[in-house]
N, C-alpha and C. Protein backbone atom coordinates (compact mmCIF):
# COMPACT_ATOMS: atom_id res chain seq x y z
N MET A 1 14.84 139.39 118.54
CA MET A 1 14.95 138.88 117.26
C MET A 1 14.84 137.43 117.66
N ASP A 2 13.82 137.16 117.17
CA ASP A 2 13.56 135.45 117.18
C ASP A 2 14.67 134.18 116.84
N VAL A 3 14.49 133.17 117.37
CA VAL A 3 16.28 132.50 116.91
C VAL A 3 15.66 131.70 115.74
N SER A 4 14.40 131.53 115.86
CA SER A 4 14.21 130.47 114.11
C SER A 4 14.46 131.61 113.42
N LEU A 5 14.07 132.24 113.27
CA LEU A 5 14.59 133.74 112.37
C LEU A 5 15.83 133.57 112.03
N ILE A 6 16.55 134.04 113.21
CA ILE A 6 17.83 134.28 113.10
C ILE A 6 18.47 132.32 111.92
N ASN A 7 18.28 131.40 113.07
CA ASN A 7 18.56 130.32 112.31
C ASN A 7 18.11 130.38 110.40
N THR A 8 16.72 130.54 110.23
CA THR A 8 16.53 130.91 108.96
C THR A 8 17.41 131.38 108.15
N LEU A 9 17.84 132.97 108.83
CA LEU A 9 18.24 133.43 107.66
C LEU A 9 19.68 133.27 107.80
N ILE A 10 20.85 132.51 108.35
CA ILE A 10 21.62 132.20 108.55
C ILE A 10 21.61 130.93 107.41
N THR A 11 20.73 129.76 107.26
CA THR A 11 20.44 128.95 106.59
C THR A 11 20.19 129.10 105.56
N SER A 12 19.43 130.26 104.98
CA SER A 12 19.31 130.57 104.13
C SER A 12 20.67 131.39 103.37
N GLY A 13 21.13 132.37 104.40
CA GLY A 13 22.91 132.62 103.91
C GLY A 13 23.65 131.53 103.22
N VAL A 14 23.91 130.48 104.00
CA VAL A 14 24.71 129.22 104.00
C VAL A 14 24.02 128.89 102.60
N THR A 15 23.03 128.44 102.39
CA THR A 15 22.87 128.21 101.52
C THR A 15 22.76 128.84 100.26
N LEU A 16 22.89 129.98 100.55
CA LEU A 16 23.50 130.85 99.41
C LEU A 16 24.65 131.09 98.90
N VAL A 17 25.59 131.28 100.19
CA VAL A 17 26.89 130.76 99.73
C VAL A 17 27.75 129.63 99.00
N VAL A 18 26.79 128.37 99.53
CA VAL A 18 27.15 127.14 99.10
C VAL A 18 26.29 127.17 97.76
N GLY A 19 25.27 127.51 97.27
CA GLY A 19 24.71 127.47 95.89
C GLY A 19 25.98 128.38 95.02
N ALA A 20 25.74 129.38 95.50
CA ALA A 20 26.75 130.77 94.87
C ALA A 20 27.78 129.91 94.64
N VAL A 21 29.13 129.31 95.77
CA VAL A 21 30.30 128.73 95.51
C VAL A 21 29.81 127.15 94.43
N GLY A 22 28.79 126.43 94.64
CA GLY A 22 28.90 125.23 93.74
C GLY A 22 28.68 125.83 92.24
N ALA A 23 27.73 126.78 92.04
CA ALA A 23 27.55 127.72 90.66
C ALA A 23 29.05 128.65 90.05
N ILE A 24 29.76 128.93 91.25
CA ILE A 24 31.12 128.88 90.50
C ILE A 24 32.13 128.08 90.03
N VAL A 25 32.04 127.29 91.03
CA VAL A 25 32.93 125.71 90.45
C VAL A 25 32.12 125.05 89.32
N ALA A 26 30.97 125.21 89.55
CA ALA A 26 30.63 124.18 88.32
C ALA A 26 30.91 124.95 86.89
N TYR A 27 30.61 126.48 87.05
CA TYR A 27 31.08 127.08 85.78
C TYR A 27 32.24 127.07 85.47
N LYS A 28 33.17 126.91 86.32
CA LYS A 28 34.74 126.95 85.75
C LYS A 28 35.06 125.33 85.43
N GLY A 29 34.33 124.43 86.15
CA GLY A 29 34.33 123.27 85.78
C GLY A 29 34.00 123.01 84.12
N THR A 30 32.99 123.61 83.87
CA THR A 30 32.15 123.65 82.22
C THR A 30 33.29 124.37 81.60
N ILE A 31 33.79 125.40 81.89
CA ILE A 31 35.03 126.31 80.69
C ILE A 31 35.71 124.98 80.53
N LYS A 32 36.50 124.98 81.71
CA LYS A 32 38.26 123.68 81.71
C LYS A 32 37.27 122.66 80.72
N GLY A 33 36.00 121.86 81.36
CA GLY A 33 35.71 120.84 80.23
C GLY A 33 35.58 121.10 78.81
N ALA A 34 35.08 122.40 78.52
CA ALA A 34 35.09 123.34 77.49
C ALA A 34 36.46 123.31 76.31
N LYS A 35 37.69 123.83 77.13
CA LYS A 35 38.85 124.05 76.82
C LYS A 35 39.42 123.13 76.34
N VAL A 36 39.30 121.89 77.24
CA VAL A 36 39.74 120.69 77.23
C VAL A 36 39.19 119.66 76.30
N GLN A 37 38.12 120.21 75.34
CA GLN A 37 37.26 119.15 74.35
C GLN A 37 37.94 120.03 73.19
N ILE A 38 38.19 121.39 73.42
CA ILE A 38 38.36 122.15 72.13
C ILE A 38 40.10 121.94 71.72
N GLU A 39 40.50 121.59 72.87
CA GLU A 39 42.08 121.18 72.57
C GLU A 39 42.04 119.89 72.09
N SER A 40 41.15 118.85 72.24
CA SER A 40 41.33 117.94 72.11
C SER A 40 40.83 117.85 70.31
N GLN A 41 39.89 118.65 70.45
CA GLN A 41 39.64 118.87 68.72
C GLN A 41 40.51 119.23 67.94
N GLN A 42 41.12 120.20 68.47
CA GLN A 42 42.27 120.79 67.51
C GLN A 42 43.49 120.03 67.30
N GLU A 43 43.72 119.51 68.51
CA GLU A 43 44.88 118.15 68.29
C GLU A 43 44.42 117.16 66.82
N GLN A 44 43.04 116.63 66.93
CA GLN A 44 42.52 115.58 65.96
C GLN A 44 42.97 116.60 64.85
N THR A 45 42.14 117.92 64.64
CA THR A 45 42.22 118.37 63.66
C THR A 45 43.67 118.63 62.82
N ASP A 46 44.39 118.60 63.80
CA ASP A 46 45.95 118.97 63.22
C ASP A 46 46.47 117.59 62.64
N LYS A 47 46.09 117.02 63.78
CA LYS A 47 46.67 115.07 63.49
C LYS A 47 45.95 115.16 61.77
N GLN A 48 44.83 115.23 61.39
CA GLN A 48 43.76 114.99 60.33
C GLN A 48 44.65 115.95 59.27
N PHE A 49 45.25 116.95 59.39
CA PHE A 49 45.64 117.64 58.40
C PHE A 49 46.98 117.30 58.01
N VAL A 50 47.60 117.15 58.70
CA VAL A 50 48.92 116.60 58.51
C VAL A 50 49.26 115.33 57.76
N ASN A 51 48.16 114.39 58.60
CA ASN A 51 47.86 113.31 57.19
C ASN A 51 47.55 113.18 56.12
N GLU A 52 46.31 114.56 55.74
CA GLU A 52 45.92 114.81 54.55
C GLU A 52 47.16 115.13 53.76
N MET A 53 47.73 116.49 54.17
CA MET A 53 49.42 116.56 53.88
C MET A 53 50.08 115.97 52.94
N LYS A 54 50.32 115.38 54.33
CA LYS A 54 51.28 113.71 53.45
C LYS A 54 50.75 113.41 52.37
N GLN A 55 49.49 112.37 52.28
CA GLN A 55 48.82 112.01 51.48
C GLN A 55 49.00 112.51 49.92
N LEU A 56 48.44 113.88 49.96
CA LEU A 56 48.55 114.84 49.25
C LEU A 56 49.88 115.02 48.60
N ASN A 57 51.18 114.96 49.45
CA ASN A 57 52.75 115.10 48.47
C ASN A 57 52.57 113.53 48.45
N GLU A 58 52.28 112.51 49.24
CA GLU A 58 52.54 111.55 48.38
C GLU A 58 52.39 111.43 46.94
N THR A 59 50.94 111.55 46.47
CA THR A 59 50.12 111.78 45.17
C THR A 59 50.84 112.49 44.32
N ARG A 60 51.09 113.93 44.66
CA ARG A 60 52.10 114.77 44.22
C ARG A 60 53.25 114.01 43.38
N LYS A 61 53.86 113.11 44.20
CA LYS A 61 54.89 112.37 43.87
C LYS A 61 54.93 111.61 43.08
N GLN A 62 53.78 110.65 43.22
CA GLN A 62 53.31 109.78 42.11
C GLN A 62 53.09 110.57 40.67
N GLN A 63 52.03 111.21 41.12
CA GLN A 63 51.92 111.87 39.49
C GLN A 63 52.96 112.66 38.88
N ALA A 64 53.85 112.83 39.69
CA ALA A 64 55.36 113.77 39.04
C ALA A 64 56.07 112.74 38.58
N GLU A 65 56.12 111.12 39.27
CA GLU A 65 56.94 110.11 39.14
C GLU A 65 56.40 109.68 37.35
N PHE A 66 55.86 109.61 37.33
CA PHE A 66 54.25 108.92 36.72
C PHE A 66 54.75 109.76 35.26
N THR A 67 54.58 111.19 35.25
CA THR A 67 54.79 112.09 34.13
C THR A 67 55.88 111.89 34.04
N ARG A 68 56.93 112.11 34.45
CA ARG A 68 58.43 112.00 34.27
C ARG A 68 58.95 110.74 33.19
N LYS A 69 57.97 109.58 34.19
CA LYS A 69 58.83 108.28 33.47
C LYS A 69 57.75 108.40 31.68
N ALA A 70 56.54 108.81 31.85
CA ALA A 70 56.06 108.63 30.51
C ALA A 70 56.77 110.05 29.64
N ILE A 71 57.04 110.84 29.90
CA ILE A 71 57.90 111.56 29.21
C ILE A 71 58.87 111.50 28.39
N GLU A 72 60.13 110.56 29.69
CA GLU A 72 60.93 109.58 29.18
C GLU A 72 60.67 108.86 28.29
N ASN A 73 59.41 107.87 28.29
CA ASN A 73 59.32 107.01 27.27
C ASN A 73 59.27 107.50 26.21
N PHE A 74 58.34 108.65 25.93
CA PHE A 74 58.10 109.25 24.72
C PHE A 74 58.97 109.75 23.97
N ILE A 75 60.15 110.39 24.58
CA ILE A 75 61.26 110.77 23.45
C ILE A 75 62.35 109.55 23.83
N SER A 76 62.33 108.92 24.62
CA SER A 76 63.52 107.35 24.41
C SER A 76 62.95 107.08 22.98
N ASN A 77 61.84 106.81 22.41
CA ASN A 77 61.06 106.04 21.17
C ASN A 77 61.65 107.31 20.40
N GLU A 78 61.85 108.54 20.60
CA GLU A 78 62.24 109.12 19.29
C GLU A 78 63.65 109.29 19.30
N ILE A 79 64.59 109.29 20.02
CA ILE A 79 65.78 109.50 20.08
C ILE A 79 66.25 107.49 19.64
N LYS A 80 65.84 106.30 20.15
CA LYS A 80 65.74 105.30 18.99
C LYS A 80 65.31 105.25 17.66
N ASP A 81 64.68 105.67 17.60
CA ASP A 81 64.22 106.10 15.81
C ASP A 81 65.69 107.45 15.32
N ASN A 82 65.84 107.90 15.87
CA ASN A 82 67.11 108.70 15.35
C ASN A 82 68.19 108.35 15.25
N PHE A 83 68.43 107.19 16.51
CA PHE A 83 70.13 106.66 16.77
C PHE A 83 70.15 106.00 15.51
N ARG A 84 69.22 105.00 15.00
CA ARG A 84 69.29 103.44 14.15
C ARG A 84 69.52 104.13 12.88
N LYS A 85 69.35 105.18 12.76
CA LYS A 85 69.82 106.24 11.11
C LYS A 85 71.67 106.56 11.71
N LEU A 86 71.65 106.89 12.80
CA LEU A 86 72.59 107.09 12.68
C LEU A 86 74.32 106.05 13.09
N ASN A 87 73.83 104.96 13.78
CA ASN A 87 74.11 103.89 14.17
C ASN A 87 74.72 103.16 12.91
N ASN A 88 76.27 102.74 13.38
CA ASN A 88 76.84 101.57 12.44
C ASN A 88 77.67 101.18 12.93
N SER A 89 78.38 100.27 12.20
CA SER A 89 79.63 99.19 13.15
C SER A 89 80.98 100.31 13.12
N THR A 90 81.07 101.07 11.03
CA THR A 90 82.34 101.49 10.66
C THR A 90 82.11 103.16 12.26
N LEU A 91 80.95 103.71 12.11
CA LEU A 91 81.39 105.04 12.74
C LEU A 91 81.46 104.31 14.06
N SER A 92 80.73 103.64 15.00
CA SER A 92 81.26 102.76 16.41
C SER A 92 82.74 102.61 16.45
N ALA A 93 83.26 102.11 15.25
CA ALA A 93 84.67 101.49 15.71
C ALA A 93 85.74 102.67 15.54
N SER A 94 85.13 103.70 14.43
CA SER A 94 86.21 105.15 14.10
C SER A 94 85.83 105.50 15.90
N LEU A 95 84.73 105.91 16.20
CA LEU A 95 84.28 107.14 17.85
C LEU A 95 85.56 105.98 18.77
N THR A 96 85.61 104.74 19.03
CA THR A 96 86.35 103.69 19.79
C THR A 96 87.82 104.24 19.32
N ASN A 97 88.15 104.34 17.86
CA ASN A 97 90.07 104.35 17.65
C ASN A 97 90.19 105.82 17.57
N ASN A 98 89.26 106.92 17.48
CA ASN A 98 90.04 108.31 17.76
C ASN A 98 89.59 108.99 18.37
N SER A 99 90.60 109.66 19.17
CA SER A 99 90.67 111.34 20.05
C SER A 99 90.14 112.10 19.60
N ILE A 100 90.04 111.85 18.65
CA ILE A 100 90.07 113.51 17.55
C ILE A 100 88.92 113.47 16.61
N PRO A 101 88.67 114.54 16.09
CA PRO A 101 87.68 114.50 15.04
C PRO A 101 88.15 114.13 13.89
N PHE A 102 87.42 113.17 12.94
CA PHE A 102 88.12 112.11 11.32
C PHE A 102 87.22 112.36 10.75
N GLN A 103 87.60 112.29 9.32
CA GLN A 103 86.80 112.49 8.19
C GLN A 103 85.43 111.08 8.07
N HIS A 104 84.59 111.69 8.09
CA HIS A 104 82.70 111.00 8.14
C HIS A 104 81.68 111.45 8.20
N PHE A 105 81.23 111.93 6.60
CA PHE A 105 79.83 112.75 6.72
C PHE A 105 78.94 111.82 7.14
N LEU A 106 77.99 112.77 7.95
CA LEU A 106 76.71 112.43 8.47
C LEU A 106 75.56 112.96 8.18
N ASN A 107 75.02 113.02 6.79
CA ASN A 107 74.00 113.60 5.98
C ASN A 107 72.82 112.87 6.32
N TYR A 108 72.15 112.90 7.92
CA TYR A 108 70.62 113.16 8.18
C TYR A 108 70.27 114.39 8.54
N THR A 109 68.64 113.63 8.63
CA THR A 109 67.52 114.52 9.19
C THR A 109 67.04 113.82 10.84
N TYR A 110 66.98 114.48 11.41
CA TYR A 110 66.31 114.11 12.71
C TYR A 110 65.12 114.44 13.25
N LYS A 111 64.25 113.44 13.94
CA LYS A 111 62.58 114.23 14.09
C LYS A 111 63.44 114.74 15.97
N TYR A 112 62.24 115.92 15.81
CA TYR A 112 62.70 116.75 17.29
C TYR A 112 61.33 116.75 18.09
N GLU A 113 59.75 116.27 17.18
CA GLU A 113 58.44 116.86 17.97
C GLU A 113 58.64 116.84 19.53
N GLU A 114 58.99 115.42 19.89
CA GLU A 114 58.27 114.89 21.03
C GLU A 114 59.62 115.48 22.18
N PHE A 115 60.40 115.83 21.38
CA PHE A 115 61.53 116.86 22.21
C PHE A 115 60.83 117.69 22.45
N ASN A 116 60.62 118.61 21.07
CA ASN A 116 60.14 119.70 21.14
C ASN A 116 58.87 120.13 21.62
N SER A 117 58.40 119.23 21.86
CA SER A 117 56.38 119.20 22.82
C SER A 117 56.64 119.20 24.07
N LEU A 118 57.90 118.34 24.67
CA LEU A 118 57.86 117.56 25.83
C LEU A 118 58.91 118.41 26.62
N LYS A 119 59.93 119.10 26.23
CA LYS A 119 61.18 119.73 26.80
C LYS A 119 61.13 120.52 28.06
N HIS A 120 59.79 121.34 27.84
CA HIS A 120 59.25 122.62 29.06
C HIS A 120 58.93 121.07 30.71
N GLU A 121 58.23 120.83 29.35
CA GLU A 121 57.75 119.56 31.08
C GLU A 121 59.41 118.80 31.39
N LEU A 122 60.62 118.30 30.53
CA LEU A 122 61.42 117.60 31.03
C LEU A 122 62.27 118.41 31.65
N ILE A 123 62.68 119.35 31.59
CA ILE A 123 63.53 120.36 32.84
C ILE A 123 63.30 120.48 33.48
N LYS A 124 61.96 120.56 34.45
CA LYS A 124 61.58 120.35 35.48
C LYS A 124 62.48 118.75 36.56
N TYR A 125 62.35 118.55 36.08
CA TYR A 125 62.82 117.32 36.89
C TYR A 125 64.82 117.41 36.20
N GLU A 126 65.43 117.25 37.19
CA GLU A 126 66.68 117.87 37.38
C GLU A 126 67.21 117.03 38.02
N SER A 127 68.03 116.16 37.00
CA SER A 127 68.39 114.67 37.30
C SER A 127 69.21 114.38 35.67
N ASP A 128 70.25 113.22 35.97
CA ASP A 128 70.93 112.70 35.09
C ASP A 128 70.80 112.13 33.86
N GLU A 129 69.73 111.62 33.90
CA GLU A 129 69.13 111.22 32.54
C GLU A 129 68.28 112.54 31.50
N VAL A 130 68.04 113.40 32.63
CA VAL A 130 67.59 114.55 31.59
C VAL A 130 68.63 115.41 31.21
N LYS A 131 69.82 115.94 31.85
CA LYS A 131 71.05 116.02 31.45
C LYS A 131 71.67 115.28 29.96
N GLU A 132 71.66 113.73 30.32
CA GLU A 132 71.90 113.33 29.09
C GLU A 132 71.13 113.32 27.76
N ILE A 133 69.66 113.48 28.18
CA ILE A 133 69.19 113.55 26.88
C ILE A 133 69.03 114.34 26.23
N ILE A 134 69.01 115.72 27.19
CA ILE A 134 69.67 116.91 26.58
C ILE A 134 70.56 116.69 25.72
N ASN A 135 72.13 116.04 25.87
CA ASN A 135 73.31 116.48 25.30
C ASN A 135 72.97 115.16 23.92
N ILE A 136 71.79 114.22 23.71
CA ILE A 136 72.00 113.29 22.63
C ILE A 136 71.09 114.35 21.99
N TYR A 137 70.13 115.38 22.60
CA TYR A 137 69.66 115.79 21.02
C TYR A 137 70.40 117.04 21.00
N ASP A 138 71.32 117.07 21.88
CA ASP A 138 72.63 118.49 21.20
C ASP A 138 73.44 117.82 20.34
N MET A 139 73.62 116.77 20.29
CA MET A 139 74.13 115.70 19.24
C MET A 139 73.48 115.66 17.74
N PHE A 140 72.14 115.34 18.22
CA PHE A 140 71.43 115.54 16.78
C PHE A 140 71.73 116.89 16.04
N TYR A 141 71.21 118.38 16.86
CA TYR A 141 71.88 119.12 16.43
C TYR A 141 72.53 119.34 15.43
N LEU A 142 74.29 119.00 16.42
CA LEU A 142 75.18 119.33 16.10
C LEU A 142 75.45 118.49 14.60
N ILE A 143 74.93 117.11 14.68
CA ILE A 143 75.45 116.77 13.50
C ILE A 143 74.79 116.94 12.17
N GLU A 144 73.18 117.46 12.36
CA GLU A 144 72.46 118.40 11.44
C GLU A 144 72.71 119.49 10.93
N ARG A 145 73.86 119.98 11.85
CA ARG A 145 74.32 121.28 11.73
C ARG A 145 75.95 121.39 10.86
N LYS A 146 76.73 120.45 11.20
CA LYS A 146 77.80 120.12 10.81
C LYS A 146 77.80 119.40 9.62
N GLN A 147 77.50 118.15 9.75
CA GLN A 147 77.16 116.99 8.73
C GLN A 147 78.54 116.42 8.38
N GLU A 148 79.56 116.82 8.93
CA GLU A 148 81.31 116.13 8.74
C GLU A 148 81.59 116.13 10.24
N ILE A 149 81.99 114.72 10.60
CA ILE A 149 83.00 114.72 11.65
C ILE A 149 84.25 115.75 12.15
N LYS A 150 84.65 115.62 11.04
CA LYS A 150 85.78 116.79 10.68
C LYS A 150 85.68 117.42 10.86
N ASP A 151 84.44 118.36 11.09
CA ASP A 151 84.19 119.69 10.72
C ASP A 151 83.78 120.07 12.57
N PHE A 152 83.74 119.30 13.44
CA PHE A 152 83.50 119.54 15.05
C PHE A 152 85.04 120.23 15.50
N SER A 153 84.58 120.34 16.50
CA SER A 153 85.63 121.15 17.01
C SER A 153 86.28 119.83 18.36
N GLN A 154 86.96 119.94 19.28
CA GLN A 154 87.67 119.32 20.08
C GLN A 154 85.98 118.95 21.22
N THR A 155 86.10 119.98 21.66
CA THR A 155 84.49 119.81 22.41
C THR A 155 83.70 118.74 22.00
N GLU A 156 83.34 119.88 20.82
CA GLU A 156 82.15 119.12 20.20
C GLU A 156 82.23 117.52 19.89
N TYR A 157 83.31 117.44 19.45
CA TYR A 157 83.47 115.87 19.12
C TYR A 157 83.35 115.16 20.48
N GLU A 158 84.24 115.24 21.26
CA GLU A 158 83.90 114.91 22.97
C GLU A 158 82.77 114.42 23.28
N ALA A 159 81.72 115.80 23.00
CA ALA A 159 80.33 115.64 23.56
C ALA A 159 79.46 114.43 22.83
N PHE A 160 79.90 114.64 21.39
CA PHE A 160 79.46 113.90 20.50
C PHE A 160 79.50 112.48 20.73
N GLN A 161 81.06 111.56 21.14
CA GLN A 161 81.25 110.42 21.80
C GLN A 161 80.34 110.56 22.79
N LYS A 162 80.25 111.20 23.78
CA LYS A 162 79.70 111.18 25.06
C LYS A 162 78.06 110.39 24.83
N ALA A 163 77.58 111.43 24.06
CA ALA A 163 76.15 110.64 23.70
C ALA A 163 75.94 109.79 22.75
N TYR A 164 76.97 109.86 21.93
CA TYR A 164 76.99 108.43 20.79
C TYR A 164 77.19 106.97 22.03
N ASN A 165 77.56 107.36 22.86
CA ASN A 165 77.91 106.22 23.60
C ASN A 165 77.06 105.37 24.56
N ALA A 166 76.16 106.97 25.21
CA ALA A 166 74.86 106.66 25.51
C ALA A 166 74.00 106.12 25.24
N CYS A 167 73.66 106.47 23.73
CA CYS A 167 72.58 105.89 22.89
C CYS A 167 72.96 104.35 22.58
N LEU A 168 74.27 103.96 23.03
CA LEU A 168 74.69 102.31 22.39
C LEU A 168 74.32 101.99 23.17
N SER A 169 74.11 102.49 24.80
CA SER A 169 74.32 101.93 25.90
C SER A 169 72.55 101.26 26.44
N LYS A 170 71.99 102.90 25.73
CA LYS A 170 70.29 103.24 26.29
C LYS A 170 69.70 102.56 25.51
N TYR A 171 70.16 103.12 24.14
CA TYR A 171 68.69 103.36 23.09
C TYR A 171 69.24 102.33 22.41
N LEU A 172 69.73 101.29 22.16
CA LEU A 172 70.33 101.03 20.94
C LEU A 172 68.47 99.29 21.07
């Protein structure tokens, strides 16, 4: 065989092998680069998702706080109106000086419109303020139902004192 033919065949074979190896390396590099790019994009997407969730949660918290304050404001005005009917110096002094129910007539009618329309929203906010508001409205209901402090049980009287004092400190 001719030496030049052999050299041509060897050169062609080597070229083919080098080309094939180069193609395989290029293919693997392309795949590796694509994987790195996909992972980078996934990290960015994950970070963006986390940031958007944080922002959404913060917006929800702000909205919930605004709603809570609005509800408490509406109810606060109704409590103030109701308490003005009840509050007087004689009753305050008697509540301070008596640890048991005493003779005092309370023939009042109270408003419950705001409380009744907002109480389902209000109870979503578990807090001491909400418990206090509920206790105050329980006091108004108790007064309307019994109308005479001496008719209160000891437990009712103590709850009445507590709610009355809360109104004195917050709603007067």
